[in-house]
Amino acid sequence: MEEYVQRVTSLGAYSPQDLPPEDLDQVLASLKQETLRVEVAKLLRPARVIPVSRAALQRLSTLLKFMMTPAKQNDERVQTMRSLNWPFLIICGLCLTQKSVETMKRELFDALIEQVAKTSQDHIQAILKDDEIRKIVLVSCTDQEFLQSKV
């Protein structure tokens, strides 16, 4: 990991003004993509530690209630999250607040959904076995039809 950090910090040692325009565009696109990956990794940190924190459980509860609100069910991001499998939806809930879902840049939201779908099976099993998470889901999910379709 230290090598990765050194590589990233060494980027300040080169001069982008010396690059040809086509290389500049490629470098910029690569940096944007890598920045998104790092931002997503930072956002997903709360779900990486089992047992999860009380704050993460509260976020999950709040986000599930938000997603069950009839007024929000037509929101594109809510629909995207509702279409996720339970483990992926739970991961999003542990990490995201209602406000972050509503205000997040589209490209970051899309990258987050893409990365969540790559969660390891071992981690998914740990999340699904966690009694606190299960209790929060059952209490917070007011749409029984939705709950039954996911379980």
Foldseek 3Di string as FASTA:
>chain_A
DVVVVVVVVCVVVDDLVPDDPVVNVVVVVVVVVVVLVVVLVVLLVQLPDPVGDPQLLVQLLQVLLVLQPPVCVVPPLSVVLLPDAVLLNSSCSSRDHPVCSVPPDPVSSVSNSVVSVVDDPVSSVSQVPDPSSVVSCVVRNPPVVSVVVRD
